[in-house]
PDB file of N, CA and C in Angstrom:
ATOM      1  N   MET A   1     -11.474   0.900 -15.765  1.00  0.00           N
ATOM      2  CA  MET A   1     -11.629   1.485 -14.743  1.00  0.00           C
ATOM      3  C   MET A   1     -12.948   2.344 -14.457  1.00  0.00           C
ATOM      4  N   LYS A   2     -13.120   1.753 -13.486  1.00  0.00           N
ATOM      5  CA  LYS A   2     -14.627   2.242 -13.141  1.00  0.00           C
ATOM      6  C   LYS A   2     -14.268   3.478 -11.708  1.00  0.00           C
ATOM      7  N   VAL A   3     -15.450   4.672 -12.108  1.00  0.00           N
ATOM      8  CA  VAL A   3     -14.764   5.728 -10.624  1.00  0.00           C
ATOM      9  C   VAL A   3     -16.314   5.405  -9.564  1.00  0.00           C
ATOM     10  N   LEU A   4     -15.911   5.387  -8.279  1.00  0.00           N
ATOM     11  CA  LEU A   4     -16.718   4.717  -7.612  1.00  0.00           C
ATOM     12  C   LEU A   4     -17.324   6.227  -6.960  1.00  0.00           C
ATOM     13  N   GLU A   5     -16.281   6.817  -6.753  1.00  0.00           N
ATOM     14  CA  GLU A   5     -16.184   8.503  -5.710  1.00  0.00           C
ATOM     15  C   GLU A   5     -15.705   9.424  -6.175  1.00  0.00           C
ATOM     16  N   GLU A   6     -16.085  10.240  -6.172  1.00  0.00           N
ATOM     17  CA  GLU A   6     -15.499  11.825  -6.727  1.00  0.00           C
ATOM     18  C   GLU A   6     -15.248  12.831  -5.463  1.00  0.00           C
ATOM     19  N   LEU A   7     -14.204  13.496  -4.997  1.00  0.00           N
ATOM     20  CA  LEU A   7     -14.116  14.483  -3.956  1.00  0.00           C
ATOM     21  C   LEU A   7     -13.697  15.726  -4.507  1.00  0.00           C
ATOM     22  N   ILE A   8     -14.638  16.471  -4.646  1.00  0.00           N
ATOM     23  CA  ILE A   8     -14.028  17.775  -5.070  1.00  0.00           C
ATOM     24  C   ILE A   8     -13.517  19.316  -4.195  1.00  0.00           C
ATOM     25  N   THR A   9     -12.550  20.019  -4.764  1.00  0.00           N
ATOM     26  CA  THR A   9     -12.451  20.864  -3.645  1.00  0.00           C
ATOM     27  C   THR A   9     -11.918  22.380  -4.774  1.00  0.00           C
ATOM     28  N   THR A  10     -12.008  23.768  -4.430  1.00  0.00           N
ATOM     29  CA  THR A  10     -11.780  24.447  -5.279  1.00  0.00           C
ATOM     30  C   THR A  10     -10.927  25.461  -4.241  1.00  0.00           C
ATOM     31  N   LYS A  11      -9.518  26.062  -4.845  1.00  0.00           N
ATOM     32  CA  LYS A  11      -8.928  26.737  -4.314  1.00  0.00           C
ATOM     33  C   LYS A  11      -8.223  28.335  -5.397  1.00  0.00           C
ATOM     34  N   ARG A  12      -8.797  28.933  -4.938  1.00  0.00           N
ATOM     35  CA  ARG A  12      -8.613  30.591  -5.719  1.00  0.00           C
ATOM     36  C   ARG A  12      -7.362  31.335  -4.592  1.00  0.00           C
ATOM     37  N   GLU A  13      -6.588  31.811  -5.882  1.00  0.00           N
ATOM     38  CA  GLU A  13      -5.417  32.715  -6.009  1.00  0.00           C
ATOM     39  C   GLU A  13      -5.174  33.694  -6.934  1.00  0.00           C
ATOM     40  N   ASP A  14      -5.622  35.091  -6.969  1.00  0.00           N
ATOM     41  CA  ASP A  14      -5.609  36.548  -7.590  1.00  0.00           C
ATOM     42  C   ASP A  14      -6.575  35.427  -8.969  1.00  0.00           C
ATOM     43  N   GLN A  15      -6.106  35.512  -9.954  1.00  0.00           N
ATOM     44  CA  GLN A  15      -6.397  35.389 -10.744  1.00  0.00           C
ATOM     45  C   GLN A  15      -7.248  33.818 -11.483  1.00  0.00           C
ATOM     46  N   LEU A  16      -6.671  33.373 -10.511  1.00  0.00           N
ATOM     47  CA  LEU A  16      -6.767  31.587 -10.599  1.00  0.00           C
ATOM     48  C   LEU A  16      -7.732  31.059  -9.995  1.00  0.00           C
ATOM     49  N   VAL A  17      -8.081  29.920 -10.681  1.00  0.00           N
ATOM     50  CA  VAL A  17      -9.223  29.071  -9.993  1.00  0.00           C
ATOM     51  C   VAL A  17      -8.609  27.620  -9.672  1.00  0.00           C
ATOM     52  N   TYR A  18      -8.433  26.722  -8.943  1.00  0.00           N
ATOM     53  CA  TYR A  18      -7.780  25.676  -8.914  1.00  0.00           C
ATOM     54  C   TYR A  18      -8.871  24.648  -8.507  1.00  0.00           C
ATOM     55  N   THR A  19      -9.241  23.590  -9.424  1.00  0.00           N
ATOM     56  CA  THR A  19     -10.105  22.661  -8.843  1.00  0.00           C
ATOM     57  C   THR A  19      -9.306  21.699  -9.101  1.00  0.00           C
ATOM     58  N   TYR A  20      -9.482  20.981  -7.661  1.00  0.00           N
ATOM     59  CA  TYR A  20      -8.647  19.583  -7.345  1.00  0.00           C
ATOM     60  C   TYR A  20     -10.229  18.638  -7.195  1.00  0.00           C
ATOM     61  N   CYS A  21      -9.873  17.029  -8.247  1.00  0.00           N
ATOM     62  CA  CYS A  21     -10.736  16.363  -8.266  1.00  0.00           C
ATOM     63  C   CYS A  21      -9.869  14.978  -7.814  1.00  0.00           C
ATOM     64  N   TYR A  22     -10.600  14.428  -7.213  1.00  0.00           N
ATOM     65  CA  TYR A  22      -9.990  13.330  -6.167  1.00  0.00           C
ATOM     66  C   TYR A  22     -10.684  12.340  -6.281  1.00  0.00           C
ATOM     67  N   ARG A  23     -10.677  10.978  -6.821  1.00  0.00           N
ATOM     68  CA  ARG A  23     -11.181   9.717  -7.485  1.00  0.00           C
ATOM     69  C   ARG A  23     -10.987   8.501  -7.013  1.00  0.00           C
ATOM     70  N   LEU A  24     -11.907   7.553  -6.447  1.00  0.00           N
ATOM     71  CA  LEU A  24     -11.594   6.516  -5.994  1.00  0.00           C
ATOM     72  C   LEU A  24     -12.048   5.560  -7.219  1.00  0.00           C
ATOM     73  N   THR A  25     -11.207   4.913  -7.377  1.00  0.00           N
ATOM     74  CA  THR A  25     -11.248   3.884  -8.741  1.00  0.00           C
ATOM     75  C   THR A  25     -11.279   2.516  -8.545  1.00  0.00           C
ATOM     76  N   CYS A  26     -11.627   1.606  -9.391  1.00  0.00           N
ATOM     77  CA  CYS A  26     -11.552   0.224  -9.206  1.00  0.00           C
ATOM     78  C   CYS A  26     -11.663  -0.245 -10.453  1.00  0.00           C
ATOM     79  N   ASP A  27     -10.811  -1.489 -10.485  1.00  0.00           N
ATOM     80  CA  ASP A  27     -10.431  -2.105 -11.588  1.00  0.00           C
ATOM     81  C   ASP A  27     -10.707  -3.754 -11.248  1.00  0.00           C
ATOM     82  N   ASP A  28     -10.720  -4.327 -12.156  1.00  0.00           N
ATOM     83  CA  ASP A  28     -10.600  -6.100 -11.992  1.00  0.00           C
ATOM     84  C   ASP A  28      -9.218  -5.985 -12.079  1.00  0.00           C
ATOM     85  N   PHE A  29      -8.649  -7.342 -11.119  1.00  0.00           N
ATOM     86  CA  PHE A  29      -7.616  -7.408 -11.188  1.00  0.00           C
ATOM     87  C   PHE A  29      -7.185  -9.271 -10.494  1.00  0.00           C
ATOM     88  N   SER A  30      -6.248 -10.094 -11.264  1.00  0.00           N
ATOM     89  CA  SER A  30      -6.072 -10.566 -11.454  1.00  0.00           C
ATOM     90  C   SER A  30      -4.516 -11.251 -10.982  1.00  0.00           C
ATOM     91  N   ILE A  31      -4.238 -12.308 -10.177  1.00  0.00           N
ATOM     92  CA  ILE A  31      -3.219 -13.079  -9.587  1.00  0.00           C
ATOM     93  C   ILE A  31      -3.140 -14.262 -10.054  1.00  0.00           C
ATOM     94  N   ARG A  32      -1.877 -14.596 -10.506  1.00  0.00           N
ATOM     95  CA  ARG A  32      -1.838 -16.174 -10.552  1.00  0.00           C
ATOM     96  C   ARG A  32      -0.978 -16.519  -9.245  1.00  0.00           C
ATOM     97  N   SER A  33      -2.033 -17.697  -8.497  1.00  0.00           N
ATOM     98  CA  SER A  33      -1.137 -18.407  -7.865  1.00  0.00           C
ATOM     99  C   SER A  33      -1.413 -20.042  -7.728  1.00  0.00           C
ATOM    100  N   GLY A  34       0.060 -20.286  -8.116  1.00  0.00           N
ATOM    101  CA  GLY A  34       0.152 -21.750  -8.727  1.00  0.00           C
ATOM    102  C   GLY A  34      -0.586 -22.220 -10.224  1.00  0.00           C
ATOM    103  N   GLU A  35      -1.612 -23.274 -10.180  1.00  0.00           N
ATOM    104  CA  GLU A  35      -2.344 -22.910 -11.479  1.00  0.00           C
ATOM    105  C   GLU A  35      -3.766 -21.993 -11.880  1.00  0.00           C
ATOM    106  N   LYS A  36      -3.775 -21.538 -10.454  1.00  0.00           N
ATOM    107  CA  LYS A  36      -5.154 -20.659 -10.556  1.00  0.00           C
ATOM    108  C   LYS A  36      -4.871 -19.336 -10.720  1.00  0.00           C
ATOM    109  N   ALA A  37      -5.597 -18.360 -11.314  1.00  0.00           N
ATOM    110  CA  ALA A  37      -5.884 -17.538 -11.387  1.00  0.00           C
ATOM    111  C   ALA A  37      -7.130 -16.899 -10.538  1.00  0.00           C
ATOM    112  N   ILE A  38      -6.170 -15.812  -9.585  1.00  0.00           N
ATOM    113  CA  ILE A  38      -7.643 -15.442  -8.269  1.00  0.00           C
ATOM    114  C   ILE A  38      -7.854 -14.033  -8.852  1.00  0.00           C
ATOM    115  N   LYS A  39      -9.507 -13.960  -8.945  1.00  0.00           N
ATOM    116  CA  LYS A  39      -9.436 -12.635  -9.246  1.00  0.00           C
ATOM    117  C   LYS A  39      -9.822 -11.195  -8.026  1.00  0.00           C
ATOM    118  N   PHE A  40      -9.569  -9.905  -8.365  1.00  0.00           N
ATOM    119  CA  PHE A  40      -9.874  -9.238  -7.076  1.00  0.00           C
ATOM    120  C   PHE A  40     -10.458  -8.223  -7.603  1.00  0.00           C
ATOM    121  N   LYS A  41     -11.267  -7.561  -7.208  1.00  0.00           N
ATOM    122  CA  LYS A  41     -11.195  -5.980  -7.239  1.00  0.00           C
ATOM    123  C   LYS A  41     -10.265  -5.148  -6.641  1.00  0.00           C
ATOM    124  N   ALA A  42      -9.832  -4.283  -7.271  1.00  0.00           N
ATOM    125  CA  ALA A  42      -8.431  -3.635  -7.087  1.00  0.00           C
ATOM    126  C   ALA A  42      -9.013  -2.417  -6.956  1.00  0.00           C
ATOM    127  N   TYR A  43      -8.612  -1.218  -5.649  1.00  0.00           N
ATOM    128  CA  TYR A  43      -9.126   0.095  -5.976  1.00  0.00           C
ATOM    129  C   TYR A  43      -7.721   0.559  -5.936  1.00  0.00           C
ATOM    130  N   GLY A  44      -8.179   1.687  -6.642  1.00  0.00           N
ATOM    131  CA  GLY A  44      -6.821   2.678  -6.472  1.00  0.00           C
ATOM    132  C   GLY A  44      -7.314   4.089  -6.646  1.00  0.00           C
ATOM    133  N   ILE A  45      -6.516   5.353  -6.789  1.00  0.00           N
ATOM    134  CA  ILE A  45      -7.090   6.955  -6.473  1.00  0.00           C
ATOM    135  C   ILE A  45      -6.051   7.222  -7.852  1.00  0.00           C
ATOM    136  N   GLU A  46      -7.251   8.404  -8.375  1.00  0.00           N
ATOM    137  CA  GLU A  46      -6.758   9.027  -9.486  1.00  0.00           C
ATOM    138  C   GLU A  46      -6.929  10.755  -8.848  1.00  0.00           C
ATOM    139  N   ALA A  47      -5.880  11.362  -9.200  1.00  0.00           N
ATOM    140  CA  ALA A  47      -6.344  13.413  -8.622  1.00  0.00           C
ATOM    141  C   ALA A  47      -5.545  13.724 -10.135  1.00  0.00           C
ATOM    142  N   GLU A  48      -6.631  14.673  -9.891  1.00  0.00           N
ATOM    143  CA  GLU A  48      -6.845  15.733 -11.284  1.00  0.00           C
ATOM    144  C   GLU A  48      -7.206  17.183 -10.697  1.00  0.00           C
ATOM    145  N   ARG A  49      -6.383  18.056 -11.549  1.00  0.00           N
ATOM    146  CA  ARG A  49      -6.283  19.710 -11.122  1.00  0.00           C
ATOM    147  C   ARG A  49      -6.377  20.405 -12.140  1.00  0.00           C
ATOM    148  N   LYS A  50      -7.476  21.189 -12.019  1.00  0.00           N
ATOM    149  CA  LYS A  50      -7.398  22.060 -13.628  1.00  0.00           C
ATOM    150  C   LYS A  50      -7.782  23.764 -13.319  1.00  0.00           C
ATOM    151  N   ASP A  51      -6.584  24.465 -13.825  1.00  0.00           N
ATOM    152  CA  ASP A  51      -6.421  25.629 -13.456  1.00  0.00           C
ATOM    153  C   ASP A  51      -7.446  26.610 -14.678  1.00  0.00           C
ATOM    154  N   PHE A  52      -8.054  27.455 -13.599  1.00  0.00           N
ATOM    155  CA  PHE A  52      -9.225  28.387 -14.488  1.00  0.00           C
ATOM    156  C   PHE A  52      -8.589  29.464 -14.400  1.00  0.00           C
ATOM    157  N   GLN A  53      -8.878  30.208 -15.693  1.00  0.00           N
ATOM    158  CA  GLN A  53      -8.716  31.853 -15.656  1.00  0.00           C
ATOM    159  C   GLN A  53      -9.926  32.135 -16.045  1.00  0.00           C
ATOM    160  N   GLY A  54     -10.739  33.068 -15.463  1.00  0.00           N
ATOM    161  CA  GLY A  54     -12.041  33.207 -16.095  1.00  0.00           C
ATOM    162  C   GLY A  54     -12.743  31.311 -16.000  1.00  0.00           C
ATOM    163  N   THR A  55     -13.161  31.334 -17.458  1.00  0.00           N
ATOM    164  CA  THR A  55     -14.159  30.363 -17.990  1.00  0.00           C
ATOM    165  C   THR A  55     -13.289  29.748 -18.753  1.00  0.00           C
ATOM    166  N   SER A  56     -11.974  30.150 -18.947  1.00  0.00           N
ATOM    167  CA  SER A  56     -10.868  29.199 -19.909  1.00  0.00           C
ATOM    168  C   SER A  56      -9.701  28.343 -19.067  1.00  0.00           C
ATOM    169  N   ILE A  57      -9.852  26.791 -19.345  1.00  0.00           N
ATOM    170  CA  ILE A  57      -8.944  26.029 -18.652  1.00  0.00           C
ATOM    171  C   ILE A  57      -7.105  26.432 -19.583  1.00  0.00           C
ATOM    172  N   GLU A  58      -6.601  27.076 -18.297  1.00  0.00           N
ATOM    173  CA  GLU A  58      -5.043  27.159 -18.374  1.00  0.00           C
ATOM    174  C   GLU A  58      -4.376  26.127 -18.471  1.00  0.00           C
ATOM    175  N   ASN A  59      -4.337  24.881 -17.669  1.00  0.00           N
ATOM    176  CA  ASN A  59      -3.756  23.867 -17.665  1.00  0.00           C
ATOM    177  C   ASN A  59      -4.526  22.587 -16.680  1.00  0.00           C
ATOM    178  N   ILE A  60      -4.111  21.155 -17.180  1.00  0.00           N
ATOM    179  CA  ILE A  60      -4.735  19.974 -16.421  1.00  0.00           C
ATOM    180  C   ILE A  60      -3.462  19.152 -16.048  1.00  0.00           C
ATOM    181  N   GLU A  61      -3.242  18.851 -14.914  1.00  0.00           N
ATOM    182  CA  GLU A  61      -2.832  17.995 -14.015  1.00  0.00           C
ATOM    183  C   GLU A  61      -3.530  16.733 -13.391  1.00  0.00           C
ATOM    184  N   ARG A  62      -2.733  15.504 -14.318  1.00  0.00           N
ATOM    185  CA  ARG A  62      -3.653  14.308 -13.898  1.00  0.00           C
ATOM    186  C   ARG A  62      -2.693  13.262 -13.224  1.00  0.00           C
ATOM    187  N   ASN A  63      -2.884  12.616 -12.508  1.00  0.00           N
ATOM    188  CA  ASN A  63      -1.945  11.494 -12.022  1.00  0.00           C
ATOM    189  C   ASN A  63      -2.630  10.374 -11.098  1.00  0.00           C
ATOM    190  N   SER A  64      -2.338   9.126 -11.422  1.00  0.00           N
ATOM    191  CA  SER A  64      -2.976   7.959 -10.211  1.00  0.00           C
ATOM    192  C   SER A  64      -2.089   6.878 -10.057  1.00  0.00           C
ATOM    193  N   ILE A  65      -2.601   5.982  -9.489  1.00  0.00           N
ATOM    194  CA  ILE A  65      -2.039   5.008  -9.109  1.00  0.00           C
ATOM    195  C   ILE A  65      -2.978   4.104  -8.681  1.00  0.00           C
ATOM    196  N   PRO A  66      -2.969   3.246  -9.645  1.00  0.00           N
ATOM    197  CA  PRO A  66      -4.093   2.448  -9.701  1.00  0.00           C
ATOM    198  C   PRO A  66      -3.355   0.825  -9.004  1.00  0.00           C
ATOM    199  N   ASN A  67      -4.715  -0.048  -8.617  1.00  0.00           N
ATOM    200  CA  ASN A  67      -4.570  -1.276  -8.097  1.00  0.00           C
ATOM    201  C   ASN A  67      -3.738  -1.195  -6.560  1.00  0.00           C
ATOM    202  N   ILE A  68      -3.929  -0.171  -5.700  1.00  0.00           N
ATOM    203  CA  ILE A  68      -3.245  -0.080  -4.480  1.00  0.00           C
ATOM    204  C   ILE A  68      -3.833  -1.067  -3.825  1.00  0.00           C
ATOM    205  N   SER A  69      -4.899  -1.197  -3.612  1.00  0.00           N
ATOM    206  CA  SER A  69      -5.255  -2.681  -2.580  1.00  0.00           C
ATOM    207  C   SER A  69      -6.492  -3.374  -2.944  1.00  0.00           C
ATOM    208  N   PRO A  70      -6.998  -4.577  -2.310  1.00  0.00           N
ATOM    209  CA  PRO A  70      -8.162  -5.038  -2.509  1.00  0.00           C
ATOM    210  C   PRO A  70      -8.701  -5.057  -1.794  1.00  0.00           C
ATOM    211  N   TYR A  71      -8.725  -3.970  -0.736  1.00  0.00           N
ATOM    212  CA  TYR A  71      -9.715  -3.232   0.393  1.00  0.00           C
ATOM    213  C   TYR A  71     -10.159  -2.093   0.190  1.00  0.00           C
ATOM    214  N   ARG A  72     -11.141  -1.511   0.019  1.00  0.00           N
ATOM    215  CA  ARG A  72     -11.878  -0.671  -0.590  1.00  0.00           C
ATOM    216  C   ARG A  72     -11.301   0.828   0.883  1.00  0.00           C
ATOM    217  N   HIS A  73     -11.613   0.127   1.999  1.00  0.00           N
ATOM    218  CA  HIS A  73     -11.530   1.116   3.054  1.00  0.00           C
ATOM    219  C   HIS A  73     -10.103   1.498   3.360  1.00  0.00           C
ATOM    220  N   LYS A  74      -9.360   0.628   2.977  1.00  0.00           N
ATOM    221  CA  LYS A  74      -7.877   1.662   2.860  1.00  0.00           C
ATOM    222  C   LYS A  74      -7.902   2.689   1.782  1.00  0.00           C
ATOM    223  N   VAL A  75      -7.959   2.257   0.890  1.00  0.00           N
ATOM    224  CA  VAL A  75      -7.873   3.216  -0.402  1.00  0.00           C
ATOM    225  C   VAL A  75      -8.512   4.382  -0.196  1.00  0.00           C
ATOM    226  N   LYS A  76     -10.189   4.340   0.603  1.00  0.00           N
ATOM    227  CA  LYS A  76     -10.672   5.425   0.588  1.00  0.00           C
ATOM    228  C   LYS A  76     -10.072   6.378   1.635  1.00  0.00           C
ATOM    229  N   ALA A  77      -9.217   5.756   2.937  1.00  0.00           N
ATOM    230  CA  ALA A  77      -8.640   6.154   3.957  1.00  0.00           C
ATOM    231  C   ALA A  77      -7.322   7.489   3.289  1.00  0.00           C
ATOM    232  N   LEU A  78      -6.791   7.001   2.146  1.00  0.00           N
ATOM    233  CA  LEU A  78      -5.827   7.389   1.552  1.00  0.00           C
ATOM    234  C   LEU A  78      -6.580   8.705   0.570  1.00  0.00           C
ATOM    235  N   LEU A  79      -7.267   8.308   0.193  1.00  0.00           N
ATOM    236  CA  LEU A  79      -8.180   9.569  -1.014  1.00  0.00           C
ATOM    237  C   LEU A  79      -8.628  10.496  -0.020  1.00  0.00           C
ATOM    238  N   ASN A  80      -9.201  10.471   1.216  1.00  0.00           N
ATOM    239  CA  ASN A  80      -9.372  11.160   2.077  1.00  0.00           C
ATOM    240  C   ASN A  80      -8.143  12.192   3.130  1.00  0.00           C
ATOM    241  N   ILE A  81      -6.567  11.488   2.747  1.00  0.00           N
ATOM    242  CA  ILE A  81      -5.771  12.282   3.021  1.00  0.00           C
ATOM    243  C   ILE A  81      -5.259  13.010   2.060  1.00  0.00           C
ATOM    244  N   ILE A  82      -5.332  12.886   0.901  1.00  0.00           N
ATOM    245  CA  ILE A  82      -4.839  13.842  -0.365  1.00  0.00           C
ATOM    246  C   ILE A  82      -6.105  14.966  -0.438  1.00  0.00           C
ATOM    247  N   TYR A  83      -7.468  14.660   0.003  1.00  0.00           N
ATOM    248  CA  TYR A  83      -8.441  15.708  -0.362  1.00  0.00           C
ATOM    249  C   TYR A  83      -8.123  16.137   0.845  1.00  0.00           C
ATOM    250  N   LYS A  84      -8.018  16.170   1.935  1.00  0.00           N
ATOM    251  CA  LYS A  84      -7.882  17.093   3.265  1.00  0.00           C
ATOM    252  C   LYS A  84      -6.596  18.107   2.791  1.00  0.00           C
ATOM    253  N   ASN A  85      -5.914  17.620   2.603  1.00  0.00           N
ATOM    254  CA  ASN A  85      -4.575  18.671   2.232  1.00  0.00           C
ATOM    255  C   ASN A  85      -4.330  19.041   1.022  1.00  0.00           C
ATOM    256  N   ASN A  86      -5.155  18.610  -0.142  1.00  0.00           N
ATOM    257  CA  ASN A  86      -5.485  19.654  -1.317  1.00  0.00           C
ATOM    258  C   ASN A  86      -4.084  19.078  -2.378  1.00  0.00           C
ATOM    259  N   VAL A  87      -3.638  17.532  -2.078  1.00  0.00           N
ATOM    260  CA  VAL A  87      -2.209  17.651  -2.648  1.00  0.00           C
ATOM    261  C   VAL A  87      -2.412  17.530  -4.217  1.00  0.00           C
ATOM    262  N   SER A  88      -1.680  18.162  -4.625  1.00  0.00           N
ATOM    263  CA  SER A  88      -1.871  18.219  -6.316  1.00  0.00           C
ATOM    264  C   SER A  88      -1.364  17.030  -6.587  1.00  0.00           C
ATOM    265  N   PRO A  89      -1.915  16.589  -7.987  1.00  0.00           N
ATOM    266  CA  PRO A  89      -1.550  15.083  -8.835  1.00  0.00           C
ATOM    267  C   PRO A  89      -0.168  15.231  -8.833  1.00  0.00           C
ATOM    268  N   ILE A  90       1.068  16.235  -8.954  1.00  0.00           N
ATOM    269  CA  ILE A  90       2.064  16.183  -9.468  1.00  0.00           C
ATOM    270  C   ILE A  90       2.816  15.276  -8.052  1.00  0.00           C
ATOM    271  N   HIS A  91       2.387  15.497  -7.030  1.00  0.00           N
ATOM    272  CA  HIS A  91       2.699  15.275  -5.736  1.00  0.00           C
ATOM    273  C   HIS A  91       2.180  13.524  -5.149  1.00  0.00           C
ATOM    274  N   LEU A  92       1.399  13.173  -6.037  1.00  0.00           N
ATOM    275  CA  LEU A  92       0.216  12.085  -5.539  1.00  0.00           C
ATOM    276  C   LEU A  92       1.493  11.071  -5.000  1.00  0.00           C
ATOM    277  N   VAL A  93       2.117  10.245  -5.668  1.00  0.00           N
ATOM    278  CA  VAL A  93       3.332   9.486  -5.653  1.00  0.00           C
ATOM    279  C   VAL A  93       3.961   9.894  -4.587  1.00  0.00           C
ATOM    280  N   ASP A  94       4.787  10.571  -4.483  1.00  0.00           N
ATOM    281  CA  ASP A  94       5.433  11.301  -2.997  1.00  0.00           C
ATOM    282  C   ASP A  94       4.874  11.134  -2.006  1.00  0.00           C
ATOM    283  N   ILE A  95       3.390  11.725  -1.752  1.00  0.00           N
ATOM    284  CA  ILE A  95       2.671  11.748  -0.503  1.00  0.00           C
ATOM    285  C   ILE A  95       2.346  10.095  -0.209  1.00  0.00           C
ATOM    286  N   LEU A  96       1.865   9.649  -1.306  1.00  0.00           N
ATOM    287  CA  LEU A  96       1.438   8.434  -1.159  1.00  0.00           C
ATOM    288  C   LEU A  96       2.165   6.963  -0.672  1.00  0.00           C
ATOM    289  N   GLY A  97       3.099   7.373  -1.756  1.00  0.00           N
ATOM    290  CA  GLY A  97       4.592   6.081  -2.015  1.00  0.00           C
ATOM    291  C   GLY A  97       4.346   5.189  -0.915  1.00  0.00           C
ATOM    292  N   ASN A  98       5.170   5.361   0.135  1.00  0.00           N
ATOM    293  CA  ASN A  98       5.280   4.780   1.354  1.00  0.00           C
ATOM    294  C   ASN A  98       3.874   3.854   1.731  1.00  0.00           C
ATOM    295  N   TYR A  99       2.591   4.435   1.922  1.00  0.00           N
ATOM    296  CA  TYR A  99       1.104   3.718   2.149  1.00  0.00           C
ATOM    297  C   TYR A  99       1.228   3.054   1.165  1.00  0.00           C
ATOM    298  N   VAL A 100       1.199   3.125  -0.212  1.00  0.00           N
ATOM    299  CA  VAL A 100       0.600   2.172  -1.097  1.00  0.00           C
ATOM    300  C   VAL A 100       2.004   1.242  -0.922  1.00  0.00           C
ATOM    301  N   ASP A 101       3.021   1.033  -0.573  1.00  0.00           N
ATOM    302  CA  ASP A 101       3.954  -0.049  -0.727  1.00  0.00           C
ATOM    303  C   ASP A 101       3.495  -0.571   0.852  1.00  0.00           C
ATOM    304  N   GLU A 102       3.029  -0.508   1.489  1.00  0.00           N
ATOM    305  CA  GLU A 102       2.219  -0.946   2.944  1.00  0.00           C
ATOM    306  C   GLU A 102       1.303  -2.026   2.601  1.00  0.00           C
ATOM    307  N   CYS A 103       0.291  -1.519   1.605  1.00  0.00           N
ATOM    308  CA  CYS A 103      -0.675  -2.404   0.984  1.00  0.00           C
ATOM    309  C   CYS A 103      -0.476  -3.287   0.250  1.00  0.00           C
ATOM    310  N   ALA A 104       0.783  -3.243  -0.269  1.00  0.00           N
ATOM    311  CA  ALA A 104       1.143  -4.354  -1.351  1.00  0.00           C
ATOM    312  C   ALA A 104       1.299  -5.690  -1.072  1.00  0.00           C
ATOM    313  N   CYS A 105       0.988  -6.136   0.572  1.00  0.00           N
ATOM    314  CA  CYS A 105       0.615  -7.177   1.547  1.00  0.00           C
ATOM    315  C   CYS A 105      -1.105  -7.711   1.646  1.00  0.00           C
ATOM    316  N   ASP A 106      -1.646  -6.896   1.003  1.00  0.00           N
ATOM    317  CA  ASP A 106      -2.995  -6.848   1.213  1.00  0.00           C
ATOM    318  C   ASP A 106      -3.378  -7.916   0.095  1.00  0.00           C
ATOM    319  N   TYR A 107      -2.625  -7.994  -0.961  1.00  0.00           N
ATOM    320  CA  TYR A 107      -2.918  -8.969  -1.838  1.00  0.00           C
ATOM    321  C   TYR A 107      -2.682 -10.424  -1.813  1.00  0.00           C
ATOM    322  N   GLN A 108      -1.177 -10.467  -0.970  1.00  0.00           N
ATOM    323  CA  GLN A 108      -1.091 -12.059  -0.186  1.00  0.00           C
ATOM    324  C   GLN A 108      -2.018 -12.461   0.536  1.00  0.00           C
ATOM    325  N   GLU A 109      -2.923 -11.438   1.635  1.00  0.00           N
ATOM    326  CA  GLU A 109      -3.518 -11.455   2.290  1.00  0.00           C
ATOM    327  C   GLU A 109      -5.003 -12.008   2.180  1.00  0.00           C
ATOM    328  N   ASN A 110      -5.201 -11.466   0.950  1.00  0.00           N
ATOM    329  CA  ASN A 110      -6.387 -11.786  -0.007  1.00  0.00           C
ATOM    330  C   ASN A 110      -6.188 -12.681  -0.489  1.00  0.00           C
ATOM    331  N   ILE A 111      -5.019 -13.415  -1.104  1.00  0.00           N
ATOM    332  CA  ILE A 111      -5.068 -14.577  -1.873  1.00  0.00           C
ATOM    333  C   ILE A 111      -5.238 -15.923  -0.798  1.00  0.00           C
ATOM    334  N   ILE A 112      -4.720 -15.761   0.415  1.00  0.00           N
ATOM    335  CA  ILE A 112      -4.809 -16.373   1.217  1.00  0.00           C
ATOM    336  C   ILE A 112      -6.429 -16.507   1.666  1.00  0.00           C
ATOM    337  N   GLU A 113      -7.125 -15.558   1.911  1.00  0.00           N
ATOM    338  CA  GLU A 113      -8.352 -15.169   2.602  1.00  0.00           C
ATOM    339  C   GLU A 113      -9.416 -16.881   1.037  1.00  0.00           C
ATOM    340  N   LYS A 114      -8.954 -16.272   0.259  1.00  0.00           N
ATOM    341  CA  LYS A 114      -9.546 -16.649  -0.977  1.00  0.00           C
ATOM    342  C   LYS A 114      -9.371 -18.391  -0.949  1.00  0.00           C
ATOM    343  N   SER A 115      -7.798 -18.469  -1.060  1.00  0.00           N
ATOM    344  CA  SER A 115      -8.207 -19.953  -0.696  1.00  0.00           C
ATOM    345  C   SER A 115      -8.555 -21.005   0.133  1.00  0.00           C
ATOM    346  N   VAL A 116      -8.536 -20.517   1.381  1.00  0.00           N
ATOM    347  CA  VAL A 116      -9.601 -21.205   2.198  1.00  0.00           C
ATOM    348  C   VAL A 116     -10.808 -22.018   1.949  1.00  0.00           C
TER     349      VAL A 116
END
């Protein structure tokens, strides 16, 4: 997995500081179509929250959804949604699940484009 972009935001509550990191990731991905393997760049998202008290890390939460779509712009739009709304990694799949399901057909479209 390669990290292509990282968006960071910080939130303070009482003695704790929460640092959220949202990453656009890229992996090589292949799908078999008949006898042929078709290779793609597949884009995904990783979300991480670190909880600090002073300079000490109290907790780290991390979650990811790899291979969402072969279209970077679609995954970037999802990344912006979670960044703007400070989505916790714990809720990443709950928030993006339906969007990710809608992106599943992107691979089929890409197979058709690459076959022509």
